[in-house]
């Protein structure tokens, strides 16, 4: 899969606020780059704890249950768009269905 806005995630890793998520985010990036999903069922087979929000939107748990990563996936194009990343506490304050990259 191709990741769009990967730099956004690597920038999060550099910030002191999210520094302890760095290894988990890097592992997620590596795994996704070498994955191919044709649909949400295939993704769910690999990431059982991922939450499928809609036909395109998925929420991943990062570093156990400490962080959330929201992505939009274009399965036919094999593209993963980074939408939002934050702590579990920050995640509880947003609407995962409607949050956008610009928010």
N, C-alpha and C. Protein backbone atom coordinates (compact mmCIF):
# COMPACT_ATOMS: atom_id res chain seq x y z
N UNK A 1 0.85 -1.17 0.00
CA UNK A 1 0.00 0.00 0.00
C UNK A 1 0.90 1.24 0.00
N UNK A 2 0.41 2.27 -0.62
CA UNK A 2 1.13 3.54 -0.64
C UNK A 2 0.51 4.45 0.42
N UNK A 3 1.36 5.08 1.21
CA UNK A 3 0.88 5.95 2.29
C UNK A 3 1.02 7.41 1.87
N UNK A 4 -0.09 8.13 1.91
CA UNK A 4 -0.09 9.56 1.61
C UNK A 4 -0.07 10.31 2.94
N UNK A 5 0.80 11.27 3.05
CA UNK A 5 1.02 12.07 4.26
C UNK A 5 1.81 11.29 5.31
N UNK A 6 2.69 10.41 4.84
CA UNK A 6 3.56 9.67 5.75
C UNK A 6 4.42 10.62 6.56
N UNK A 7 4.84 11.72 5.94
CA UNK A 7 5.67 12.70 6.64
C UNK A 7 4.95 13.24 7.88
N UNK A 8 3.64 13.36 7.79
CA UNK A 8 2.86 13.80 8.95
C UNK A 8 3.11 12.87 10.13
N UNK A 9 3.10 11.57 9.88
CA UNK A 9 3.35 10.61 10.96
C UNK A 9 4.79 10.69 11.47
N UNK A 10 5.74 10.80 10.56
CA UNK A 10 7.13 10.88 11.01
C UNK A 10 7.38 12.17 11.77
N UNK A 11 6.68 13.23 11.42
CA UNK A 11 6.79 14.48 12.19
C UNK A 11 6.22 14.31 13.59
N UNK A 12 5.12 13.58 13.71
CA UNK A 12 4.57 13.29 15.04
C UNK A 12 5.61 12.57 15.89
N UNK A 13 6.33 11.64 15.28
CA UNK A 13 7.35 10.87 16.01
C UNK A 13 8.43 11.77 16.59
N UNK A 14 8.71 12.86 15.91
CA UNK A 14 9.77 13.78 16.35
C UNK A 14 9.31 14.69 17.48
N UNK A 15 8.01 14.86 17.62
CA UNK A 15 7.51 15.76 18.65
C UNK A 15 7.58 15.08 20.01
N UNK A 16 7.93 15.85 21.02
CA UNK A 16 8.06 15.27 22.37
C UNK A 16 6.72 14.73 22.88
N UNK A 17 5.63 15.31 22.40
CA UNK A 17 4.29 14.89 22.84
C UNK A 17 3.99 13.44 22.46
N UNK A 18 4.50 13.00 21.31
CA UNK A 18 4.20 11.66 20.80
C UNK A 18 5.44 10.78 20.67
N UNK A 19 6.53 11.19 21.27
CA UNK A 19 7.80 10.48 21.13
C UNK A 19 7.69 9.00 21.50
N UNK A 20 6.90 8.68 22.52
CA UNK A 20 6.82 7.28 22.94
C UNK A 20 5.99 6.42 21.98
N UNK A 21 5.41 7.02 20.95
CA UNK A 21 4.69 6.26 19.92
C UNK A 21 5.58 5.97 18.71
N UNK A 22 6.79 6.50 18.72
CA UNK A 22 7.66 6.45 17.53
C UNK A 22 7.87 5.03 17.00
N UNK A 23 8.29 4.12 17.84
CA UNK A 23 8.57 2.75 17.36
C UNK A 23 7.32 2.08 16.82
N UNK A 24 6.20 2.27 17.49
CA UNK A 24 4.95 1.66 17.04
C UNK A 24 4.48 2.25 15.72
N UNK A 25 4.63 3.57 15.55
CA UNK A 25 4.25 4.20 14.28
C UNK A 25 5.16 3.73 13.14
N UNK A 26 6.45 3.65 13.41
CA UNK A 26 7.38 3.18 12.37
C UNK A 26 7.05 1.74 11.97
N UNK A 27 6.71 0.91 12.94
CA UNK A 27 6.34 -0.48 12.65
C UNK A 27 5.07 -0.52 11.80
N UNK A 28 4.09 0.32 12.15
CA UNK A 28 2.84 0.38 11.39
C UNK A 28 3.12 0.80 9.95
N UNK A 29 3.93 1.84 9.77
CA UNK A 29 4.28 2.32 8.42
C UNK A 29 4.93 1.19 7.62
N UNK A 30 5.88 0.51 8.20
CA UNK A 30 6.58 -0.58 7.51
C UNK A 30 5.60 -1.68 7.10
N UNK A 31 4.76 -2.09 8.03
CA UNK A 31 3.80 -3.16 7.74
C UNK A 31 2.84 -2.77 6.63
N UNK A 32 2.34 -1.55 6.68
CA UNK A 32 1.36 -1.10 5.69
C UNK A 32 2.00 -1.00 4.31
N UNK A 33 3.22 -0.50 4.24
CA UNK A 33 3.90 -0.38 2.94
C UNK A 33 4.05 -1.73 2.25
N UNK A 34 4.19 -2.78 3.03
CA UNK A 34 4.38 -4.11 2.45
C UNK A 34 3.11 -4.95 2.49
N UNK A 35 1.98 -4.29 2.67
CA UNK A 35 0.68 -4.97 2.66
C UNK A 35 -0.07 -4.63 1.39
N UNK A 36 -0.98 -5.49 1.02
CA UNK A 36 -1.90 -5.22 -0.08
C UNK A 36 -3.28 -5.68 0.38
N UNK A 37 -4.20 -4.74 0.47
CA UNK A 37 -5.57 -5.05 0.87
C UNK A 37 -6.50 -4.69 -0.28
N UNK A 38 -7.35 -5.63 -0.64
CA UNK A 38 -8.34 -5.36 -1.67
C UNK A 38 -9.67 -4.90 -1.09
N UNK A 39 -9.82 -5.08 0.23
CA UNK A 39 -11.07 -4.68 0.88
C UNK A 39 -10.86 -4.65 2.39
N UNK A 40 -11.87 -4.17 3.09
CA UNK A 40 -11.78 -4.04 4.55
C UNK A 40 -11.66 -5.39 5.25
N UNK A 41 -12.24 -6.43 4.67
CA UNK A 41 -12.14 -7.76 5.28
C UNK A 41 -10.70 -8.25 5.33
N UNK A 42 -9.96 -8.00 4.27
CA UNK A 42 -8.55 -8.40 4.25
C UNK A 42 -7.74 -7.61 5.27
N UNK A 43 -8.03 -6.33 5.40
CA UNK A 43 -7.36 -5.51 6.41
C UNK A 43 -7.68 -6.05 7.80
N UNK A 44 -8.94 -6.33 8.04
CA UNK A 44 -9.39 -6.80 9.36
C UNK A 44 -8.77 -8.15 9.72
N UNK A 45 -8.47 -8.97 8.73
CA UNK A 45 -7.82 -10.25 8.99
C UNK A 45 -6.42 -10.05 9.57
N UNK A 46 -5.75 -8.99 9.15
CA UNK A 46 -4.40 -8.68 9.64
C UNK A 46 -4.47 -7.88 10.94
N UNK A 47 -5.36 -6.89 11.00
CA UNK A 47 -5.49 -5.99 12.16
C UNK A 47 -6.85 -6.20 12.80
N UNK A 48 -6.97 -7.20 13.63
CA UNK A 48 -8.27 -7.53 14.24
C UNK A 48 -8.80 -6.42 15.13
N UNK A 49 -7.92 -5.60 15.70
CA UNK A 49 -8.36 -4.52 16.59
C UNK A 49 -8.67 -3.23 15.85
N UNK A 50 -8.46 -3.20 14.54
CA UNK A 50 -8.81 -2.00 13.77
C UNK A 50 -10.33 -1.85 13.76
N UNK A 51 -10.78 -0.61 13.78
CA UNK A 51 -12.22 -0.33 13.72
C UNK A 51 -12.56 0.18 12.33
N UNK A 52 -13.44 -0.52 11.65
CA UNK A 52 -13.89 -0.11 10.33
C UNK A 52 -15.05 0.86 10.55
N UNK A 53 -14.82 2.13 10.24
CA UNK A 53 -15.82 3.18 10.48
C UNK A 53 -16.77 3.31 9.30
N UNK A 54 -16.22 3.18 8.08
CA UNK A 54 -17.02 3.24 6.86
C UNK A 54 -16.30 2.42 5.80
N UNK A 55 -16.79 2.47 4.58
CA UNK A 55 -16.15 1.68 3.52
C UNK A 55 -14.72 2.12 3.26
N UNK A 56 -14.37 3.34 3.65
CA UNK A 56 -13.01 3.85 3.45
C UNK A 56 -12.28 4.15 4.75
N UNK A 57 -12.98 4.49 5.78
CA UNK A 57 -12.35 4.99 7.01
C UNK A 57 -12.08 3.87 8.01
N UNK A 58 -10.83 3.88 8.53
CA UNK A 58 -10.40 2.87 9.49
C UNK A 58 -9.65 3.55 10.63
N UNK A 59 -9.85 3.05 11.84
CA UNK A 59 -9.11 3.53 13.00
C UNK A 59 -8.22 2.39 13.50
N UNK A 60 -6.92 2.69 13.59
CA UNK A 60 -5.95 1.72 14.10
C UNK A 60 -5.56 2.09 15.52
N UNK A 61 -5.37 1.08 16.35
CA UNK A 61 -4.77 1.28 17.67
C UNK A 61 -3.26 1.26 17.48
N UNK A 62 -2.59 2.24 18.05
CA UNK A 62 -1.13 2.33 17.97
C UNK A 62 -0.57 2.25 19.38
N UNK A 63 0.47 1.49 19.53
CA UNK A 63 1.11 1.27 20.85
C UNK A 63 0.06 0.74 21.83
N UNK A 64 -0.46 -0.40 21.46
CA UNK A 64 -1.52 -0.99 22.28
C UNK A 64 -2.78 -0.18 22.15
N UNK A 65 -3.19 0.41 23.22
CA UNK A 65 -4.41 1.21 23.25
C UNK A 65 -4.11 2.68 23.57
N UNK A 66 -2.83 3.07 23.49
CA UNK A 66 -2.44 4.42 23.90
C UNK A 66 -2.78 5.50 22.87
N UNK A 67 -2.71 5.16 21.58
CA UNK A 67 -2.90 6.14 20.51
C UNK A 67 -3.87 5.60 19.46
N UNK A 68 -4.44 6.53 18.70
CA UNK A 68 -5.33 6.19 17.59
C UNK A 68 -4.82 6.85 16.32
N UNK A 69 -4.95 6.12 15.23
CA UNK A 69 -4.58 6.62 13.91
C UNK A 69 -5.78 6.41 13.01
N UNK A 70 -6.28 7.51 12.43
CA UNK A 70 -7.42 7.44 11.52
C UNK A 70 -6.91 7.60 10.10
N UNK A 71 -7.33 6.68 9.23
CA UNK A 71 -6.92 6.73 7.83
C UNK A 71 -8.14 6.54 6.94
N UNK A 72 -8.01 7.02 5.72
CA UNK A 72 -8.96 6.70 4.66
C UNK A 72 -8.21 5.83 3.66
N UNK A 73 -8.86 4.78 3.19
CA UNK A 73 -8.21 3.84 2.28
C UNK A 73 -8.97 3.76 0.97
N UNK A 74 -8.23 3.92 -0.11
CA UNK A 74 -8.75 3.67 -1.46
C UNK A 74 -8.22 2.30 -1.86
N UNK A 75 -9.02 1.27 -1.63
CA UNK A 75 -8.56 -0.10 -1.84
C UNK A 75 -8.18 -0.37 -3.29
N UNK A 76 -8.96 0.12 -4.24
CA UNK A 76 -8.66 -0.13 -5.65
C UNK A 76 -7.34 0.50 -6.08
N UNK A 77 -7.03 1.65 -5.51
CA UNK A 77 -5.79 2.35 -5.86
C UNK A 77 -4.62 1.95 -4.97
N UNK A 78 -4.91 1.19 -3.91
CA UNK A 78 -3.87 0.75 -2.95
C UNK A 78 -3.21 1.93 -2.26
N UNK A 79 -4.05 2.89 -1.84
CA UNK A 79 -3.55 4.11 -1.19
C UNK A 79 -4.18 4.26 0.19
N UNK A 80 -3.34 4.61 1.16
CA UNK A 80 -3.77 4.89 2.53
C UNK A 80 -3.49 6.36 2.81
N UNK A 81 -4.52 7.13 3.11
CA UNK A 81 -4.39 8.55 3.42
C UNK A 81 -4.40 8.73 4.94
N UNK A 82 -3.38 9.36 5.47
CA UNK A 82 -3.34 9.67 6.90
C UNK A 82 -4.30 10.83 7.15
N UNK A 83 -5.24 10.64 8.06
CA UNK A 83 -6.23 11.67 8.36
C UNK A 83 -5.96 12.32 9.71
N UNK A 84 -5.71 11.51 10.74
CA UNK A 84 -5.58 12.06 12.10
C UNK A 84 -4.80 11.09 12.95
N UNK A 85 -4.01 11.64 13.90
CA UNK A 85 -3.29 10.83 14.88
C UNK A 85 -3.33 11.55 16.21
N UNK A 86 -3.52 10.81 17.28
CA UNK A 86 -3.50 11.42 18.61
C UNK A 86 -3.63 10.38 19.70
N UNK A 87 -3.59 10.86 20.92
CA UNK A 87 -3.72 9.96 22.07
C UNK A 87 -5.16 9.47 22.18
N UNK A 88 -5.34 8.44 22.96
CA UNK A 88 -6.69 7.92 23.21
C UNK A 88 -7.57 9.02 23.79
N UNK A 89 -7.03 9.80 24.70
CA UNK A 89 -7.78 10.90 25.32
C UNK A 89 -8.19 11.94 24.28
N UNK A 90 -7.28 12.28 23.36
CA UNK A 90 -7.60 13.24 22.29
C UNK A 90 -8.65 12.65 21.34
N UNK A 91 -8.53 11.37 21.07
CA UNK A 91 -9.47 10.69 20.18
C UNK A 91 -10.90 10.76 20.72
N UNK A 92 -11.03 10.64 22.03
CA UNK A 92 -12.35 10.69 22.64
C UNK A 92 -13.05 12.03 22.44
N UNK A 93 -12.31 13.06 22.05
CA UNK A 93 -12.88 14.41 21.87
C UNK A 93 -13.26 14.71 20.43
N UNK A 94 -12.99 13.79 19.50
CA UNK A 94 -13.29 14.04 18.09
C UNK A 94 -14.34 13.06 17.59
N UNK A 95 -14.84 13.33 16.40
CA UNK A 95 -15.76 12.40 15.73
C UNK A 95 -14.97 11.71 14.63
N UNK A 96 -14.66 10.45 14.83
CA UNK A 96 -13.82 9.71 13.88
C UNK A 96 -14.45 9.62 12.49
N UNK A 97 -15.76 9.72 12.42
CA UNK A 97 -16.45 9.64 11.13
C UNK A 97 -16.25 10.89 10.28
N UNK A 98 -16.10 12.05 10.94
CA UNK A 98 -16.08 13.30 10.18
C UNK A 98 -14.77 14.07 10.24
N UNK A 99 -13.86 13.71 11.14
CA UNK A 99 -12.61 14.45 11.24
C UNK A 99 -11.88 14.39 9.89
N UNK A 100 -11.21 15.49 9.54
CA UNK A 100 -10.48 15.52 8.28
C UNK A 100 -9.04 15.94 8.53
N UNK A 101 -8.22 15.75 7.53
CA UNK A 101 -6.81 16.08 7.64
C UNK A 101 -6.61 17.54 8.02
N UNK A 102 -7.50 18.40 7.54
CA UNK A 102 -7.37 19.83 7.79
C UNK A 102 -7.73 20.23 9.21
N UNK A 103 -8.48 19.39 9.94
CA UNK A 103 -8.95 19.75 11.29
C UNK A 103 -7.84 19.94 12.27
